Amino acid sequence: MLERIQFQTTKDGVIPLTDQIKECVEKSGVKSGILCAFITHTTAALTVNSFWDPLGHEDIQDEIRRLIPTRVDFKHQHDTPEDAAGHVKCTLIGPSMSFIIDDGKLLLGHSQGIYFLEFDGPRNRECYVKIVPE
């Protein structure tokens, strides 16, 4: 089963995807298996983090920008400096994640959520969800 989740981002936004991905699991009817979430973008990433404090997402984006600032001296100049910085951020954080499906549910910790990190928005984006039964 392959599902596509489409959404609009904001500049440096954090988009929660947990509920949509859980819906994909329910729709699949798979009781035990593996789920792969994958984005087809080079200036964004997927991560898992706590959903308890929404301002924590701002801290994450702030620290990512601090570690990899937008600058004009990137060697690859085909894209804008912000786009170049987004490529580095995507490479470090990653465009995909794998999850366990057990007893028909996505296996996540009690405070874990799945999030899309935007590094070059706003944009129309998508996340693909592939579910492989055991």
Protein backbone atom coordinates (compact mmCIF):
# COMPACT_ATOMS: atom_id res chain seq x y z
CA MET A 1 0.00 0.00 0.00
CA LEU A 2 1.28 3.47 -0.94
CA GLU A 3 -0.41 6.67 0.23
CA ARG A 4 0.42 10.30 -0.50
CA ILE A 5 -0.15 13.07 2.04
CA GLN A 6 -0.18 16.57 0.53
CA PHE A 7 0.13 19.84 2.44
CA GLN A 8 1.24 23.47 2.24
CA THR A 9 4.14 24.70 4.36
CA THR A 10 5.21 28.05 5.72
CA LYS A 11 8.73 29.46 5.80
CA ASP A 12 10.76 27.27 8.17
CA GLY A 13 7.53 25.63 9.29
CA VAL A 14 7.02 22.41 11.20
CA ILE A 15 4.08 20.34 9.98
CA PRO A 16 2.68 17.55 12.19
CA LEU A 17 2.08 14.37 10.19
CA THR A 18 1.33 11.88 12.97
CA ASP A 19 -2.44 11.85 12.58
CA GLN A 20 -2.34 11.49 8.79
CA ILE A 21 0.21 8.67 9.02
CA LYS A 22 -1.88 6.90 11.69
CA GLU A 23 -4.86 7.16 9.32
CA CYS A 24 -2.81 5.41 6.63
CA VAL A 25 -2.12 2.54 9.05
CA GLU A 26 -5.80 2.22 9.95
CA LYS A 27 -6.85 2.35 6.29
CA SER A 28 -4.33 -0.36 5.37
CA GLY A 29 -5.76 -2.90 7.79
CA VAL A 30 -2.22 -4.18 8.42
CA LYS A 31 -1.85 -5.63 11.92
CA SER A 32 1.90 -6.15 11.90
CA GLY A 33 4.51 -4.72 9.59
CA ILE A 34 6.76 -1.83 8.71
CA LEU A 35 5.87 1.66 7.58
CA CYS A 36 8.25 3.86 5.63
CA ALA A 37 7.55 7.60 5.43
CA PHE A 38 9.49 9.33 2.63
CA ILE A 39 9.54 12.86 1.25
CA THR A 40 10.57 13.65 -2.32
CA HIS A 41 12.18 16.97 -1.45
CA THR A 42 15.81 18.06 -1.00
CA THR A 43 15.11 21.12 1.17
CA ALA A 44 13.01 19.49 3.91
CA ALA A 45 13.25 16.57 6.31
CA LEU A 46 11.30 14.22 8.58
CA THR A 47 11.84 13.89 12.31
CA VAL A 48 10.30 12.48 15.47
CA ASN A 49 9.95 14.72 18.49
CA SER A 50 7.76 15.45 21.47
CA PHE A 51 4.39 17.03 20.83
CA TRP A 52 3.92 18.27 24.41
CA ASP A 53 5.46 21.71 23.93
CA PRO A 54 4.72 23.34 20.56
CA LEU A 55 7.45 25.91 21.16
CA GLY A 56 9.95 23.05 21.18
CA HIS A 57 9.54 22.91 17.40
CA GLU A 58 10.66 26.53 17.19
CA ASP A 59 13.76 25.61 19.21
CA ILE A 60 14.54 22.82 16.75
CA GLN A 61 14.26 25.10 13.71
CA ASP A 62 16.25 27.83 15.51
CA GLU A 63 19.08 25.41 16.28
CA ILE A 64 19.08 23.95 12.77
CA ARG A 65 19.38 27.50 11.37
CA ARG A 66 22.17 28.25 13.87
CA LEU A 67 24.12 25.12 12.90
CA ILE A 68 23.57 25.57 9.15
CA PRO A 69 22.99 29.24 8.45
CA THR A 70 21.92 30.56 5.08
CA ARG A 71 25.04 32.08 3.53
CA VAL A 72 26.22 33.18 0.13
CA ASP A 73 29.51 31.24 0.08
CA PHE A 74 28.12 27.75 -0.57
CA LYS A 75 30.05 26.10 -3.38
CA HIS A 76 26.97 25.01 -5.29
CA GLN A 77 25.49 28.18 -6.70
CA HIS A 78 22.85 26.77 -9.05
CA ASP A 79 20.22 27.39 -6.38
CA THR A 80 19.66 30.28 -3.99
CA PRO A 81 21.72 30.38 -0.76
CA GLU A 82 18.60 29.44 1.22
CA ASP A 83 18.05 26.45 -1.07
CA ALA A 84 21.70 25.41 -0.71
CA ALA A 85 21.41 25.55 3.09
CA GLY A 86 18.22 23.46 2.84
CA HIS A 87 20.10 20.77 0.92
CA VAL A 88 22.66 20.48 3.71
CA LYS A 89 19.93 20.36 6.38
CA CYS A 90 18.05 17.64 4.49
CA THR A 91 21.21 15.58 4.14
CA LEU A 92 21.94 15.75 7.86
CA ILE A 93 18.41 15.11 9.13
CA GLY A 94 17.06 12.90 6.35
CA PRO A 95 14.12 12.47 3.98
CA SER A 96 12.76 9.19 5.37
CA MET A 97 11.91 7.31 8.54
CA SER A 98 10.80 3.76 9.27
CA PHE A 99 8.25 2.75 11.90
CA ILE A 100 6.88 -0.46 13.36
CA ILE A 101 3.22 -1.38 13.05
CA ASP A 102 2.08 -3.63 15.88
CA ASP A 103 -1.46 -4.75 16.71
CA GLY A 104 -2.74 -2.52 13.90
CA LYS A 105 -1.20 0.62 15.36
CA LEU A 106 1.82 2.79 14.73
CA LEU A 107 4.38 2.12 17.46
CA LEU A 108 5.36 5.51 18.93
CA GLY A 109 6.35 6.60 22.42
CA HIS A 110 3.70 8.31 24.54
CA SER A 111 4.98 11.80 23.66
CA GLN A 112 6.37 11.14 20.17
CA GLY A 113 5.02 12.74 17.03
CA ILE A 114 6.16 12.67 13.39
CA TYR A 115 6.99 16.05 11.86
CA PHE A 116 7.91 17.51 8.48
CA LEU A 117 10.58 20.21 8.72
CA GLU A 118 10.52 22.90 6.02
CA PHE A 119 13.81 24.61 5.15
CA ASP A 120 12.91 26.50 1.97
CA GLY A 121 9.23 27.36 2.06
CA PRO A 122 6.53 28.18 1.70
CA ARG A 123 5.89 25.31 -0.68
CA ASN A 124 3.41 22.64 -1.68
CA ARG A 125 4.85 19.45 -0.25
CA GLU A 126 4.06 15.75 0.03
CA CYS A 127 4.97 12.75 2.10
CA TYR A 128 4.66 9.20 0.80
CA VAL A 129 3.73 6.40 3.18
CA LYS A 130 4.52 2.80 2.22
CA ILE A 131 3.19 0.02 4.42
CA VAL A 132 4.64 -3.47 4.16
CA PRO A 133 2.79 -6.22 6.05
CA GLU A 134 4.72 -8.84 8.00
